Amino acid sequence: MGLGDDIKSKAEELKGRAKEAVGAASDDSELKTEGKGDQGKAKVDQVKGDIKDVADNFKN
């Protein structure tokens, strides 16, 4: 996973955390759920990148 992808994924995770926090503070369950979804997507992207890195290292 390239540095740009790492940054993008981390930004997506932070955006999700912010949405979840705002949703919790404002009692907006839809926004809170959306934030959790954003975080989940970011985690999946991070894991996919980690797997790709391991595969690339193994190949070399």
PDB file of N, CA and C in Angstrom:
ATOM      1  N   MET A   1       0.866  -1.165   0.000  1.00  0.00           N
ATOM      2  CA  MET A   1       0.000   0.000   0.000  1.00  0.00           C
ATOM      3  C   MET A   1       0.910   1.223   0.000  1.00  0.00           C
ATOM      4  N   GLY A   2       0.659   2.112  -0.909  1.00  0.00           N
ATOM      5  CA  GLY A   2       1.476   3.308  -1.001  1.00  0.00           C
ATOM      6  C   GLY A   2       1.143   4.307   0.089  1.00  0.00           C
ATOM      7  N   LEU A   3       2.030   5.243   0.254  1.00  0.00           N
ATOM      8  CA  LEU A   3       1.842   6.264   1.285  1.00  0.00           C
ATOM      9  C   LEU A   3       0.546   7.039   1.065  1.00  0.00           C
ATOM     10  N   GLY A   4       0.247   7.364  -0.186  1.00  0.00           N
ATOM     11  CA  GLY A   4      -0.988   8.086  -0.495  1.00  0.00           C
ATOM     12  C   GLY A   4      -2.222   7.300  -0.095  1.00  0.00           C
ATOM     13  N   ASP A   5      -2.187   5.994  -0.345  1.00  0.00           N
ATOM     14  CA  ASP A   5      -3.310   5.137   0.043  1.00  0.00           C
ATOM     15  C   ASP A   5      -3.439   5.052   1.561  1.00  0.00           C
ATOM     16  N   ASP A   6      -2.288   4.991   2.246  1.00  0.00           N
ATOM     17  CA  ASP A   6      -2.303   4.960   3.714  1.00  0.00           C
ATOM     18  C   ASP A   6      -2.949   6.222   4.268  1.00  0.00           C
ATOM     19  N   ILE A   7      -2.562   7.359   3.713  1.00  0.00           N
ATOM     20  CA  ILE A   7      -3.101   8.643   4.180  1.00  0.00           C
ATOM     21  C   ILE A   7      -4.591   8.733   3.895  1.00  0.00           C
ATOM     22  N   LYS A   8      -4.995   8.317   2.705  1.00  0.00           N
ATOM     23  CA  LYS A   8      -6.411   8.364   2.330  1.00  0.00           C
ATOM     24  C   LYS A   8      -7.246   7.472   3.255  1.00  0.00           C
ATOM     25  N   SER A   9      -6.733   6.285   3.529  1.00  0.00           N
ATOM     26  CA  SER A   9      -7.446   5.347   4.392  1.00  0.00           C
ATOM     27  C   SER A   9      -7.551   5.881   5.818  1.00  0.00           C
ATOM     28  N   LYS A  10      -6.479   6.464   6.321  1.00  0.00           N
ATOM     29  CA  LYS A  10      -6.490   7.020   7.673  1.00  0.00           C
ATOM     30  C   LYS A  10      -7.439   8.216   7.752  1.00  0.00           C
ATOM     31  N   ALA A  11      -7.460   9.033   6.699  1.00  0.00           N
ATOM     32  CA  ALA A  11      -8.373  10.176   6.666  1.00  0.00           C
ATOM     33  C   ALA A  11      -9.825   9.697   6.678  1.00  0.00           C
ATOM     34  N   GLU A  12     -10.108   8.638   5.943  1.00  0.00           N
ATOM     35  CA  GLU A  12     -11.458   8.067   5.923  1.00  0.00           C
ATOM     36  C   GLU A  12     -11.842   7.561   7.312  1.00  0.00           C
ATOM     37  N   GLU A  13     -10.893   6.933   7.993  1.00  0.00           N
ATOM     38  CA  GLU A  13     -11.152   6.444   9.342  1.00  0.00           C
ATOM     39  C   GLU A  13     -11.444   7.607  10.302  1.00  0.00           C
ATOM     40  N   LEU A  14     -10.647   8.666  10.213  1.00  0.00           N
ATOM     41  CA  LEU A  14     -10.849   9.822  11.086  1.00  0.00           C
ATOM     42  C   LEU A  14     -12.171  10.517  10.789  1.00  0.00           C
ATOM     43  N   LYS A  15     -12.536  10.589   9.518  1.00  0.00           N
ATOM     44  CA  LYS A  15     -13.824  11.170   9.139  1.00  0.00           C
ATOM     45  C   LYS A  15     -14.958  10.348   9.763  1.00  0.00           C
ATOM     46  N   GLY A  16     -14.814   9.037   9.727  1.00  0.00           N
ATOM     47  CA  GLY A  16     -15.820   8.166  10.325  1.00  0.00           C
ATOM     48  C   GLY A  16     -15.929   8.358  11.824  1.00  0.00           C
ATOM     49  N   ARG A  17     -14.783   8.513  12.481  1.00  0.00           N
ATOM     50  CA  ARG A  17     -14.794   8.745  13.931  1.00  0.00           C
ATOM     51  C   ARG A  17     -15.494  10.058  14.263  1.00  0.00           C
ATOM     52  N   ALA A  18     -15.231  11.076  13.443  1.00  0.00           N
ATOM     53  CA  ALA A  18     -15.866  12.377  13.677  1.00  0.00           C
ATOM     54  C   ALA A  18     -17.372  12.278  13.487  1.00  0.00           C
ATOM     55  N   LYS A  19     -17.798  11.606  12.422  1.00  0.00           N
ATOM     56  CA  LYS A  19     -19.238  11.439  12.184  1.00  0.00           C
ATOM     57  C   LYS A  19     -19.886  10.683  13.337  1.00  0.00           C
ATOM     58  N   GLU A  20     -19.223   9.637  13.790  1.00  0.00           N
ATOM     59  CA  GLU A  20     -19.781   8.849  14.888  1.00  0.00           C
ATOM     60  C   GLU A  20     -19.910   9.705  16.149  1.00  0.00           C
ATOM     61  N   ALA A  21     -18.892  10.503  16.437  1.00  0.00           N
ATOM     62  CA  ALA A  21     -18.918  11.357  17.629  1.00  0.00           C
ATOM     63  C   ALA A  21     -20.010  12.420  17.538  1.00  0.00           C
ATOM     64  N   VAL A  22     -20.133  13.042  16.372  1.00  0.00           N
ATOM     65  CA  VAL A  22     -21.168  14.061  16.197  1.00  0.00           C
ATOM     66  C   VAL A  22     -22.552  13.409  16.289  1.00  0.00           C
ATOM     67  N   GLY A  23     -22.688  12.236  15.690  1.00  0.00           N
ATOM     68  CA  GLY A  23     -23.959  11.516  15.766  1.00  0.00           C
ATOM     69  C   GLY A  23     -24.331  11.154  17.188  1.00  0.00           C
ATOM     70  N   ALA A  24     -23.333  10.744  17.973  1.00  0.00           N
ATOM     71  CA  ALA A  24     -23.591  10.396  19.372  1.00  0.00           C
ATOM     72  C   ALA A  24     -23.948  11.644  20.180  1.00  0.00           C
ATOM     73  N   ALA A  25     -23.236  12.727  19.926  1.00  0.00           N
ATOM     74  CA  ALA A  25     -23.477  13.961  20.683  1.00  0.00           C
ATOM     75  C   ALA A  25     -24.831  14.580  20.359  1.00  0.00           C
ATOM     76  N   SER A  26     -25.260  14.410  19.101  1.00  0.00           N
ATOM     77  CA  SER A  26     -26.522  15.023  18.679  1.00  0.00           C
ATOM     78  C   SER A  26     -27.681  14.028  18.675  1.00  0.00           C
ATOM     79  N   ASP A  27     -27.429  12.834  19.184  1.00  0.00           N
ATOM     80  CA  ASP A  27     -28.435  11.776  19.228  1.00  0.00           C
ATOM     81  C   ASP A  27     -28.984  11.457  17.835  1.00  0.00           C
ATOM     82  N   ASP A  28     -28.089  11.469  16.842  1.00  0.00           N
ATOM     83  CA  ASP A  28     -28.434  11.159  15.451  1.00  0.00           C
ATOM     84  C   ASP A  28     -27.885   9.773  15.133  1.00  0.00           C
ATOM     85  N   SER A  29     -28.737   8.771  15.297  1.00  0.00           N
ATOM     86  CA  SER A  29     -28.278   7.390  15.126  1.00  0.00           C
ATOM     87  C   SER A  29     -27.861   7.102  13.688  1.00  0.00           C
ATOM     88  N   GLU A  30     -28.478   7.767  12.711  1.00  0.00           N
ATOM     89  CA  GLU A  30     -28.113   7.547  11.313  1.00  0.00           C
ATOM     90  C   GLU A  30     -26.684   8.033  11.043  1.00  0.00           C
ATOM     91  N   LEU A  31     -26.340   9.201  11.538  1.00  0.00           N
ATOM     92  CA  LEU A  31     -24.995   9.743  11.357  1.00  0.00           C
ATOM     93  C   LEU A  31     -23.975   8.895  12.113  1.00  0.00           C
ATOM     94  N   LYS A  32     -24.332   8.459  13.289  1.00  0.00           N
ATOM     95  CA  LYS A  32     -23.450   7.599  14.082  1.00  0.00           C
ATOM     96  C   LYS A  32     -23.167   6.293  13.340  1.00  0.00           C
ATOM     97  N   THR A  33     -24.200   5.697  12.765  1.00  0.00           N
ATOM     98  CA  THR A  33     -24.042   4.460  12.008  1.00  0.00           C
ATOM     99  C   THR A  33     -23.213   4.694  10.749  1.00  0.00           C
ATOM    100  N   GLU A  34     -23.445   5.804  10.084  1.00  0.00           N
ATOM    101  CA  GLU A  34     -22.670   6.137   8.891  1.00  0.00           C
ATOM    102  C   GLU A  34     -21.191   6.274   9.247  1.00  0.00           C
ATOM    103  N   GLY A  35     -20.896   6.883  10.375  1.00  0.00           N
ATOM    104  CA  GLY A  35     -19.518   7.023  10.831  1.00  0.00           C
ATOM    105  C   GLY A  35     -18.863   5.681  11.088  1.00  0.00           C
ATOM    106  N   LYS A  36     -19.606   4.784  11.709  1.00  0.00           N
ATOM    107  CA  LYS A  36     -19.073   3.441  11.951  1.00  0.00           C
ATOM    108  C   LYS A  36     -18.817   2.722  10.629  1.00  0.00           C
ATOM    109  N   GLY A  37     -19.689   2.937   9.647  1.00  0.00           N
ATOM    110  CA  GLY A  37     -19.493   2.337   8.328  1.00  0.00           C
ATOM    111  C   GLY A  37     -18.243   2.871   7.642  1.00  0.00           C
ATOM    112  N   ASP A  38     -18.031   4.173   7.746  1.00  0.00           N
ATOM    113  CA  ASP A  38     -16.816   4.777   7.172  1.00  0.00           C
ATOM    114  C   ASP A  38     -15.563   4.179   7.815  1.00  0.00           C
ATOM    115  N   GLN A  39     -15.611   3.996   9.122  1.00  0.00           N
ATOM    116  CA  GLN A  39     -14.468   3.413   9.820  1.00  0.00           C
ATOM    117  C   GLN A  39     -14.232   1.971   9.377  1.00  0.00           C
ATOM    118  N   GLY A  40     -15.309   1.236   9.218  1.00  0.00           N
ATOM    119  CA  GLY A  40     -15.191  -0.155   8.767  1.00  0.00           C
ATOM    120  C   GLY A  40     -14.585  -0.249   7.385  1.00  0.00           C
ATOM    121  N   LYS A  41     -15.027   0.614   6.490  1.00  0.00           N
ATOM    122  CA  LYS A  41     -14.484   0.619   5.126  1.00  0.00           C
ATOM    123  C   LYS A  41     -13.003   0.951   5.157  1.00  0.00           C
ATOM    124  N   ALA A  42     -12.622   1.909   5.976  1.00  0.00           N
ATOM    125  CA  ALA A  42     -11.210   2.283   6.082  1.00  0.00           C
ATOM    126  C   ALA A  42     -10.377   1.118   6.607  1.00  0.00           C
ATOM    127  N   LYS A  43     -10.897   0.410   7.597  1.00  0.00           N
ATOM    128  CA  LYS A  43     -10.170  -0.738   8.153  1.00  0.00           C
ATOM    129  C   LYS A  43      -9.992  -1.829   7.100  1.00  0.00           C
ATOM    130  N   VAL A  44     -11.041  -2.081   6.309  1.00  0.00           N
ATOM    131  CA  VAL A  44     -10.947  -3.076   5.238  1.00  0.00           C
ATOM    132  C   VAL A  44      -9.881  -2.656   4.232  1.00  0.00           C
ATOM    133  N   ASP A  45      -9.869  -1.383   3.855  1.00  0.00           N
ATOM    134  CA  ASP A  45      -8.867  -0.883   2.917  1.00  0.00           C
ATOM    135  C   ASP A  45      -7.459  -1.042   3.492  1.00  0.00           C
ATOM    136  N   GLN A  46      -7.304  -0.798   4.792  1.00  0.00           N
ATOM    137  CA  GLN A  46      -6.000  -0.937   5.426  1.00  0.00           C
ATOM    138  C   GLN A  46      -5.548  -2.400   5.417  1.00  0.00           C
ATOM    139  N   VAL A  47      -6.460  -3.307   5.704  1.00  0.00           N
ATOM    140  CA  VAL A  47      -6.122  -4.736   5.707  1.00  0.00           C
ATOM    141  C   VAL A  47      -5.772  -5.196   4.299  1.00  0.00           C
ATOM    142  N   LYS A  48      -6.532  -4.753   3.311  1.00  0.00           N
ATOM    143  CA  LYS A  48      -6.221  -5.117   1.924  1.00  0.00           C
ATOM    144  C   LYS A  48      -4.833  -4.622   1.543  1.00  0.00           C
ATOM    145  N   GLY A  49      -4.493  -3.418   1.958  1.00  0.00           N
ATOM    146  CA  GLY A  49      -3.166  -2.877   1.679  1.00  0.00           C
ATOM    147  C   GLY A  49      -2.080  -3.674   2.373  1.00  0.00           C
ATOM    148  N   ASP A  50      -2.331  -4.075   3.612  1.00  0.00           N
ATOM    149  CA  ASP A  50      -1.355  -4.878   4.352  1.00  0.00           C
ATOM    150  C   ASP A  50      -1.134  -6.229   3.669  1.00  0.00           C
ATOM    151  N   ILE A  51      -2.212  -6.834   3.220  1.00  0.00           N
ATOM    152  CA  ILE A  51      -2.105  -8.123   2.521  1.00  0.00           C
ATOM    153  C   ILE A  51      -1.317  -7.952   1.234  1.00  0.00           C
ATOM    154  N   LYS A  52      -1.585  -6.875   0.512  1.00  0.00           N
ATOM    155  CA  LYS A  52      -0.851  -6.612  -0.729  1.00  0.00           C
ATOM    156  C   LYS A  52       0.632  -6.423  -0.438  1.00  0.00           C
ATOM    157  N   ASP A  53       0.953  -5.695   0.624  1.00  0.00           N
ATOM    158  CA  ASP A  53       2.352  -5.482   0.996  1.00  0.00           C
ATOM    159  C   ASP A  53       3.050  -6.805   1.320  1.00  0.00           C
ATOM    160  N   VAL A  54       2.370  -7.653   2.074  1.00  0.00           N
ATOM    161  CA  VAL A  54       2.952  -8.967   2.426  1.00  0.00           C
ATOM    162  C   VAL A  54       3.163  -9.793   1.162  1.00  0.00           C
ATOM    163  N   ALA A  55       2.175  -9.777   0.279  1.00  0.00           N
ATOM    164  CA  ALA A  55       2.303 -10.542  -0.970  1.00  0.00           C
ATOM    165  C   ALA A  55       3.455 -10.020  -1.826  1.00  0.00           C
ATOM    166  N   ASP A  56       3.595  -8.707  -1.894  1.00  0.00           N
ATOM    167  CA  ASP A  56       4.691  -8.119  -2.664  1.00  0.00           C
ATOM    168  C   ASP A  56       6.044  -8.485  -2.051  1.00  0.00           C
ATOM    169  N   ASN A  57       6.134  -8.444  -0.728  1.00  0.00           N
ATOM    170  CA  ASN A  57       7.381  -8.826  -0.049  1.00  0.00           C
ATOM    171  C   ASN A  57       7.698 -10.288  -0.242  1.00  0.00           C
ATOM    172  N   PHE A  58       6.682 -11.116  -0.212  1.00  0.00           N
ATOM    173  CA  PHE A  58       6.869 -12.550  -0.399  1.00  0.00           C
ATOM    174  C   PHE A  58       7.334 -12.839  -1.833  1.00  0.00           C
ATOM    175  N   LYS A  59       6.753 -12.100  -2.781  1.00  0.00           N
ATOM    176  CA  LYS A  59       7.098 -12.286  -4.191  1.00  0.00           C
ATOM    177  C   LYS A  59       8.566 -11.933  -4.439  1.00  0.00           C
ATOM    178  N   ASN A  60       9.032 -10.899  -3.754  1.00  0.00           N
ATOM    179  CA  ASN A  60      10.420 -10.456  -3.936  1.00  0.00           C
ATOM    180  C   ASN A  60      11.309 -11.307  -3.079  1.00  0.00           C
TER     181      ASN A  60
END
